[in-house]
PDB file of N, CA and C in Angstrom:
ATOM      1  N   UNK A   1     -11.485 -57.175  27.326  1.00  0.00           N
ATOM      2  CA  UNK A   1     -10.400 -56.526  26.605  1.00  0.00           C
ATOM      3  C   UNK A   1      -9.034 -57.158  26.906  1.00  0.00           C
ATOM      4  N   UNK A   2      -8.476 -57.227  25.718  1.00  0.00           N
ATOM      5  CA  UNK A   2      -7.335 -57.961  25.626  1.00  0.00           C
ATOM      6  C   UNK A   2      -6.073 -57.175  26.188  1.00  0.00           C
ATOM      7  N   UNK A   3      -5.404 -57.790  27.165  1.00  0.00           N
ATOM      8  CA  UNK A   3      -4.229 -57.292  27.397  1.00  0.00           C
ATOM      9  C   UNK A   3      -2.823 -57.395  26.584  1.00  0.00           C
ATOM     10  N   UNK A   4      -2.115 -56.463  26.593  1.00  0.00           N
ATOM     11  CA  UNK A   4      -0.949 -56.372  25.337  1.00  0.00           C
ATOM     12  C   UNK A   4      -0.098 -57.672  25.804  1.00  0.00           C
ATOM     13  N   UNK A   5       0.104 -58.254  27.069  1.00  0.00           N
ATOM     14  CA  UNK A   5       0.828 -59.296  27.414  1.00  0.00           C
ATOM     15  C   UNK A   5       0.157 -60.558  27.027  1.00  0.00           C
ATOM     16  N   UNK A   6      -1.093 -60.652  26.806  1.00  0.00           N
ATOM     17  CA  UNK A   6      -1.823 -61.757  26.201  1.00  0.00           C
ATOM     18  C   UNK A   6      -1.617 -61.913  24.633  1.00  0.00           C
ATOM     19  N   UNK A   7      -1.758 -60.584  24.077  1.00  0.00           N
ATOM     20  CA  UNK A   7      -1.460 -60.633  22.668  1.00  0.00           C
ATOM     21  C   UNK A   7      -0.057 -60.946  22.142  1.00  0.00           C
ATOM     22  N   UNK A   8       1.051 -60.673  23.156  1.00  0.00           N
ATOM     23  CA  UNK A   8       2.307 -60.886  22.751  1.00  0.00           C
ATOM     24  C   UNK A   8       2.744 -62.511  22.711  1.00  0.00           C
ATOM     25  N   UNK A   9       1.770 -63.253  23.496  1.00  0.00           N
ATOM     26  CA  UNK A   9       2.033 -64.630  23.475  1.00  0.00           C
ATOM     27  C   UNK A   9       1.337 -65.363  22.355  1.00  0.00           C
ATOM     28  N   UNK A  10       0.714 -64.681  21.504  1.00  0.00           N
ATOM     29  CA  UNK A  10      -0.069 -65.417  20.430  1.00  0.00           C
ATOM     30  C   UNK A  10       0.846 -65.394  19.072  1.00  0.00           C
ATOM     31  N   UNK A  11       0.629 -66.423  18.241  1.00  0.00           N
ATOM     32  CA  UNK A  11       1.343 -66.309  17.102  1.00  0.00           C
ATOM     33  C   UNK A  11       0.819 -65.387  16.220  1.00  0.00           C
ATOM     34  N   UNK A  12       1.535 -65.189  15.173  1.00  0.00           N
ATOM     35  CA  UNK A  12       1.075 -64.405  14.099  1.00  0.00           C
ATOM     36  C   UNK A  12      -0.239 -64.750  13.341  1.00  0.00           C
ATOM     37  N   UNK A  13      -0.282 -66.046  13.279  1.00  0.00           N
ATOM     38  CA  UNK A  13      -1.827 -66.463  12.670  1.00  0.00           C
ATOM     39  C   UNK A  13      -2.761 -66.309  13.384  1.00  0.00           C
ATOM     40  N   UNK A  14      -2.561 -66.525  14.856  1.00  0.00           N
ATOM     41  CA  UNK A  14      -3.828 -66.181  15.893  1.00  0.00           C
ATOM     42  C   UNK A  14      -4.159 -64.809  15.833  1.00  0.00           C
ATOM     43  N   UNK A  15      -2.944 -63.888  15.723  1.00  0.00           N
ATOM     44  CA  UNK A  15      -3.167 -62.319  15.840  1.00  0.00           C
ATOM     45  C   UNK A  15      -3.832 -62.051  14.474  1.00  0.00           C
ATOM     46  N   UNK A  16      -3.677 -62.545  13.312  1.00  0.00           N
ATOM     47  CA  UNK A  16      -4.477 -62.109  12.090  1.00  0.00           C
ATOM     48  C   UNK A  16      -5.835 -62.615  12.343  1.00  0.00           C
ATOM     49  N   UNK A  17      -5.974 -63.798  13.078  1.00  0.00           N
ATOM     50  CA  UNK A  17      -7.451 -64.273  13.174  1.00  0.00           C
ATOM     51  C   UNK A  17      -8.265 -63.408  14.162  1.00  0.00           C
ATOM     52  N   UNK A  18      -7.627 -62.949  15.206  1.00  0.00           N
ATOM     53  CA  UNK A  18      -8.424 -61.947  16.110  1.00  0.00           C
ATOM     54  C   UNK A  18      -8.643 -60.700  15.409  1.00  0.00           C
ATOM     55  N   UNK A  19      -7.536 -60.315  14.615  1.00  0.00           N
ATOM     56  CA  UNK A  19      -7.737 -58.874  13.898  1.00  0.00           C
ATOM     57  C   UNK A  19      -8.840 -58.877  12.953  1.00  0.00           C
ATOM     58  N   UNK A  20      -9.083 -59.924  12.188  1.00  0.00           N
ATOM     59  CA  UNK A  20     -10.263 -60.111  11.339  1.00  0.00           C
ATOM     60  C   UNK A  20     -11.528 -60.157  12.051  1.00  0.00           C
ATOM     61  N   UNK A  21     -11.652 -60.667  13.172  1.00  0.00           N
ATOM     62  CA  UNK A  21     -12.685 -60.836  14.122  1.00  0.00           C
ATOM     63  C   UNK A  21     -12.994 -59.468  14.531  1.00  0.00           C
ATOM     64  N   UNK A  22     -12.095 -58.589  15.093  1.00  0.00           N
ATOM     65  CA  UNK A  22     -12.277 -57.312  15.706  1.00  0.00           C
ATOM     66  C   UNK A  22     -12.788 -56.464  14.713  1.00  0.00           C
ATOM     67  N   UNK A  23     -12.293 -56.528  13.352  1.00  0.00           N
ATOM     68  CA  UNK A  23     -12.745 -55.573  12.404  1.00  0.00           C
ATOM     69  C   UNK A  23     -14.204 -55.942  12.057  1.00  0.00           C
ATOM     70  N   UNK A  24     -14.613 -57.149  11.898  1.00  0.00           N
ATOM     71  CA  UNK A  24     -15.881 -57.564  11.818  1.00  0.00           C
ATOM     72  C   UNK A  24     -16.790 -56.840  12.790  1.00  0.00           C
ATOM     73  N   UNK A  25     -16.300 -57.045  14.103  1.00  0.00           N
ATOM     74  CA  UNK A  25     -17.249 -56.448  15.236  1.00  0.00           C
ATOM     75  C   UNK A  25     -17.188 -54.850  15.143  1.00  0.00           C
ATOM     76  N   UNK A  26     -15.944 -54.241  14.876  1.00  0.00           N
ATOM     77  CA  UNK A  26     -15.997 -52.797  14.727  1.00  0.00           C
ATOM     78  C   UNK A  26     -17.050 -52.497  13.620  1.00  0.00           C
ATOM     79  N   UNK A  27     -17.132 -53.083  12.503  1.00  0.00           N
ATOM     80  CA  UNK A  27     -18.072 -52.845  11.320  1.00  0.00           C
ATOM     81  C   UNK A  27     -19.459 -52.875  11.845  1.00  0.00           C
ATOM     82  N   UNK A  28     -19.782 -53.958  12.678  1.00  0.00           N
ATOM     83  CA  UNK A  28     -21.057 -54.295  13.204  1.00  0.00           C
ATOM     84  C   UNK A  28     -21.531 -53.157  14.408  1.00  0.00           C
ATOM     85  N   UNK A  29     -20.554 -52.771  14.962  1.00  0.00           N
ATOM     86  CA  UNK A  29     -20.584 -51.756  15.988  1.00  0.00           C
ATOM     87  C   UNK A  29     -21.028 -50.281  15.437  1.00  0.00           C
ATOM     88  N   UNK A  30     -20.330 -50.042  14.387  1.00  0.00           N
ATOM     89  CA  UNK A  30     -20.528 -48.734  13.577  1.00  0.00           C
ATOM     90  C   UNK A  30     -22.163 -48.845  13.063  1.00  0.00           C
ATOM     91  N   UNK A  31     -22.553 -49.960  12.478  1.00  0.00           N
ATOM     92  CA  UNK A  31     -23.896 -49.939  12.073  1.00  0.00           C
ATOM     93  C   UNK A  31     -24.978 -49.760  13.201  1.00  0.00           C
ATOM     94  N   UNK A  32     -24.538 -50.416  14.433  1.00  0.00           N
ATOM     95  CA  UNK A  32     -25.560 -50.017  15.505  1.00  0.00           C
ATOM     96  C   UNK A  32     -25.489 -48.746  16.095  1.00  0.00           C
ATOM     97  N   UNK A  33     -24.298 -48.351  16.098  1.00  0.00           N
ATOM     98  CA  UNK A  33     -24.236 -46.897  16.475  1.00  0.00           C
ATOM     99  C   UNK A  33     -25.038 -45.833  15.791  1.00  0.00           C
ATOM    100  N   UNK A  34     -25.010 -46.140  14.281  1.00  0.00           N
ATOM    101  CA  UNK A  34     -25.624 -45.242  13.324  1.00  0.00           C
ATOM    102  C   UNK A  34     -27.117 -45.601  13.484  1.00  0.00           C
ATOM    103  N   UNK A  35     -27.707 -46.784  13.619  1.00  0.00           N
ATOM    104  CA  UNK A  35     -29.098 -46.851  13.749  1.00  0.00           C
ATOM    105  C   UNK A  35     -29.610 -46.825  15.222  1.00  0.00           C
ATOM    106  N   UNK A  36     -28.669 -46.427  16.311  1.00  0.00           N
ATOM    107  CA  UNK A  36     -29.056 -46.033  17.501  1.00  0.00           C
ATOM    108  C   UNK A  36     -29.377 -47.355  18.359  1.00  0.00           C
ATOM    109  N   UNK A  37     -28.780 -48.620  17.995  1.00  0.00           N
ATOM    110  CA  UNK A  37     -29.091 -49.576  18.705  1.00  0.00           C
ATOM    111  C   UNK A  37     -27.885 -50.213  19.500  1.00  0.00           C
ATOM    112  N   UNK A  38     -26.846 -49.230  19.627  1.00  0.00           N
ATOM    113  CA  UNK A  38     -25.660 -49.535  20.548  1.00  0.00           C
ATOM    114  C   UNK A  38     -25.812 -49.708  21.934  1.00  0.00           C
ATOM    115  N   UNK A  39     -25.632 -50.868  22.537  1.00  0.00           N
ATOM    116  CA  UNK A  39     -25.806 -51.167  24.107  1.00  0.00           C
ATOM    117  C   UNK A  39     -24.621 -50.693  24.892  1.00  0.00           C
ATOM    118  N   UNK A  40     -23.440 -50.889  24.215  1.00  0.00           N
ATOM    119  CA  UNK A  40     -22.219 -50.597  25.147  1.00  0.00           C
ATOM    120  C   UNK A  40     -21.384 -49.725  24.345  1.00  0.00           C
ATOM    121  N   UNK A  41     -21.608 -48.324  24.403  1.00  0.00           N
ATOM    122  CA  UNK A  41     -20.515 -47.381  23.596  1.00  0.00           C
ATOM    123  C   UNK A  41     -19.178 -47.596  23.863  1.00  0.00           C
ATOM    124  N   UNK A  42     -18.773 -47.979  24.979  1.00  0.00           N
ATOM    125  CA  UNK A  42     -17.362 -48.278  25.471  1.00  0.00           C
ATOM    126  C   UNK A  42     -16.811 -49.286  24.618  1.00  0.00           C
ATOM    127  N   UNK A  43     -17.560 -50.204  24.106  1.00  0.00           N
ATOM    128  CA  UNK A  43     -16.996 -51.355  23.398  1.00  0.00           C
ATOM    129  C   UNK A  43     -16.284 -50.730  22.098  1.00  0.00           C
ATOM    130  N   UNK A  44     -16.828 -49.734  21.621  1.00  0.00           N
ATOM    131  CA  UNK A  44     -16.195 -49.241  20.144  1.00  0.00           C
ATOM    132  C   UNK A  44     -14.857 -48.768  20.614  1.00  0.00           C
ATOM    133  N   UNK A  45     -14.476 -48.115  21.567  1.00  0.00           N
ATOM    134  CA  UNK A  45     -13.154 -47.841  21.955  1.00  0.00           C
ATOM    135  C   UNK A  45     -12.233 -48.892  22.282  1.00  0.00           C
ATOM    136  N   UNK A  46     -12.980 -49.900  23.203  1.00  0.00           N
ATOM    137  CA  UNK A  46     -12.117 -51.144  23.252  1.00  0.00           C
ATOM    138  C   UNK A  46     -11.513 -51.586  21.999  1.00  0.00           C
ATOM    139  N   UNK A  47     -12.544 -51.982  21.044  1.00  0.00           N
ATOM    140  CA  UNK A  47     -12.074 -52.583  20.073  1.00  0.00           C
ATOM    141  C   UNK A  47     -11.247 -51.927  18.974  1.00  0.00           C
ATOM    142  N   UNK A  48     -11.379 -50.725  19.089  1.00  0.00           N
ATOM    143  CA  UNK A  48     -10.517 -49.804  18.239  1.00  0.00           C
ATOM    144  C   UNK A  48      -9.038 -49.960  18.858  1.00  0.00           C
ATOM    145  N   UNK A  49      -9.107 -49.894  20.092  1.00  0.00           N
ATOM    146  CA  UNK A  49      -7.606 -49.882  20.804  1.00  0.00           C
ATOM    147  C   UNK A  49      -6.868 -51.139  20.705  1.00  0.00           C
ATOM    148  N   UNK A  50      -7.696 -52.153  20.868  1.00  0.00           N
ATOM    149  CA  UNK A  50      -7.274 -53.590  20.491  1.00  0.00           C
ATOM    150  C   UNK A  50      -6.723 -53.872  19.217  1.00  0.00           C
ATOM    151  N   UNK A  51      -7.380 -53.382  18.241  1.00  0.00           N
ATOM    152  CA  UNK A  51      -6.948 -53.538  16.829  1.00  0.00           C
ATOM    153  C   UNK A  51      -5.584 -52.549  16.733  1.00  0.00           C
ATOM    154  N   UNK A  52      -5.403 -51.479  17.309  1.00  0.00           N
ATOM    155  CA  UNK A  52      -4.306 -50.663  17.333  1.00  0.00           C
ATOM    156  C   UNK A  52      -2.986 -51.412  17.848  1.00  0.00           C
ATOM    157  N   UNK A  53      -3.413 -52.131  18.973  1.00  0.00           N
ATOM    158  CA  UNK A  53      -2.429 -52.907  19.781  1.00  0.00           C
ATOM    159  C   UNK A  53      -1.933 -54.186  18.761  1.00  0.00           C
ATOM    160  N   UNK A  54      -2.700 -54.909  18.331  1.00  0.00           N
ATOM    161  CA  UNK A  54      -2.517 -55.902  17.339  1.00  0.00           C
ATOM    162  C   UNK A  54      -1.641 -55.265  16.168  1.00  0.00           C
ATOM    163  N   UNK A  55      -1.932 -54.100  15.573  1.00  0.00           N
ATOM    164  CA  UNK A  55      -1.221 -53.698  14.435  1.00  0.00           C
ATOM    165  C   UNK A  55       0.129 -53.326  14.933  1.00  0.00           C
ATOM    166  N   UNK A  56       0.211 -52.672  16.106  1.00  0.00           N
ATOM    167  CA  UNK A  56       1.532 -52.223  16.506  1.00  0.00           C
ATOM    168  C   UNK A  56       2.554 -53.391  16.787  1.00  0.00           C
ATOM    169  N   UNK A  57       1.824 -54.438  17.467  1.00  0.00           N
ATOM    170  CA  UNK A  57       2.606 -55.636  17.691  1.00  0.00           C
ATOM    171  C   UNK A  57       3.149 -56.354  16.520  1.00  0.00           C
ATOM    172  N   UNK A  58       2.212 -56.465  15.353  1.00  0.00           N
ATOM    173  CA  UNK A  58       2.789 -56.963  14.052  1.00  0.00           C
ATOM    174  C   UNK A  58       3.917 -56.169  13.456  1.00  0.00           C
ATOM    175  N   UNK A  59       3.853 -54.784  13.724  1.00  0.00           N
ATOM    176  CA  UNK A  59       4.771 -53.990  13.058  1.00  0.00           C
ATOM    177  C   UNK A  59       6.096 -54.133  13.875  1.00  0.00           C
ATOM    178  N   UNK A  60       6.156 -54.383  15.206  1.00  0.00           N
ATOM    179  CA  UNK A  60       7.141 -54.519  15.808  1.00  0.00           C
ATOM    180  C   UNK A  60       7.859 -55.963  15.745  1.00  0.00           C
ATOM    181  N   UNK A  61       7.197 -56.850  15.454  1.00  0.00           N
ATOM    182  CA  UNK A  61       7.586 -58.126  15.033  1.00  0.00           C
ATOM    183  C   UNK A  61       8.225 -58.259  13.712  1.00  0.00           C
ATOM    184  N   UNK A  62       7.788 -57.527  12.810  1.00  0.00           N
ATOM    185  CA  UNK A  62       8.080 -57.457  11.523  1.00  0.00           C
ATOM    186  C   UNK A  62       9.546 -56.701  11.382  1.00  0.00           C
ATOM    187  N   UNK A  63       9.763 -55.652  12.147  1.00  0.00           N
ATOM    188  CA  UNK A  63      10.664 -54.773  12.413  1.00  0.00           C
ATOM    189  C   UNK A  63      11.942 -55.596  12.929  1.00  0.00           C
ATOM    190  N   UNK A  64      11.710 -56.186  14.019  1.00  0.00           N
ATOM    191  CA  UNK A  64      12.669 -57.093  14.819  1.00  0.00           C
ATOM    192  C   UNK A  64      13.097 -58.353  13.748  1.00  0.00           C
ATOM    193  N   UNK A  65      12.368 -58.817  13.131  1.00  0.00           N
ATOM    194  CA  UNK A  65      12.700 -59.953  12.164  1.00  0.00           C
ATOM    195  C   UNK A  65      13.660 -59.578  11.030  1.00  0.00           C
ATOM    196  N   UNK A  66      13.332 -58.129  10.699  1.00  0.00           N
ATOM    197  CA  UNK A  66      14.152 -57.765   9.502  1.00  0.00           C
ATOM    198  C   UNK A  66      15.361 -57.169   9.897  1.00  0.00           C
ATOM    199  N   UNK A  67      15.528 -56.796  11.216  1.00  0.00           N
ATOM    200  CA  UNK A  67      16.754 -56.505  11.962  1.00  0.00           C
ATOM    201  C   UNK A  67      17.715 -57.720  11.936  1.00  0.00           C
ATOM    202  N   UNK A  68      17.077 -58.795  12.677  1.00  0.00           N
ATOM    203  CA  UNK A  68      17.720 -59.760  13.042  1.00  0.00           C
ATOM    204  C   UNK A  68      17.883 -61.097  12.336  1.00  0.00           C
TER     205      UNK A  68
END
């Protein structure tokens, strides 16, 4: 699981790449859950939380660059 401090050190491009990977993983996890093949149900929560952290970080960066 990614720590928010680790995410803050990444560039916008790296965050966008990681966000795309996490969304693909989330899609696959949903399919596994629907078909009953999900091995680690806790991973769904981790992925969802990390996506939210990345989106929050992107919003904070956009807001700070618009202000300053």
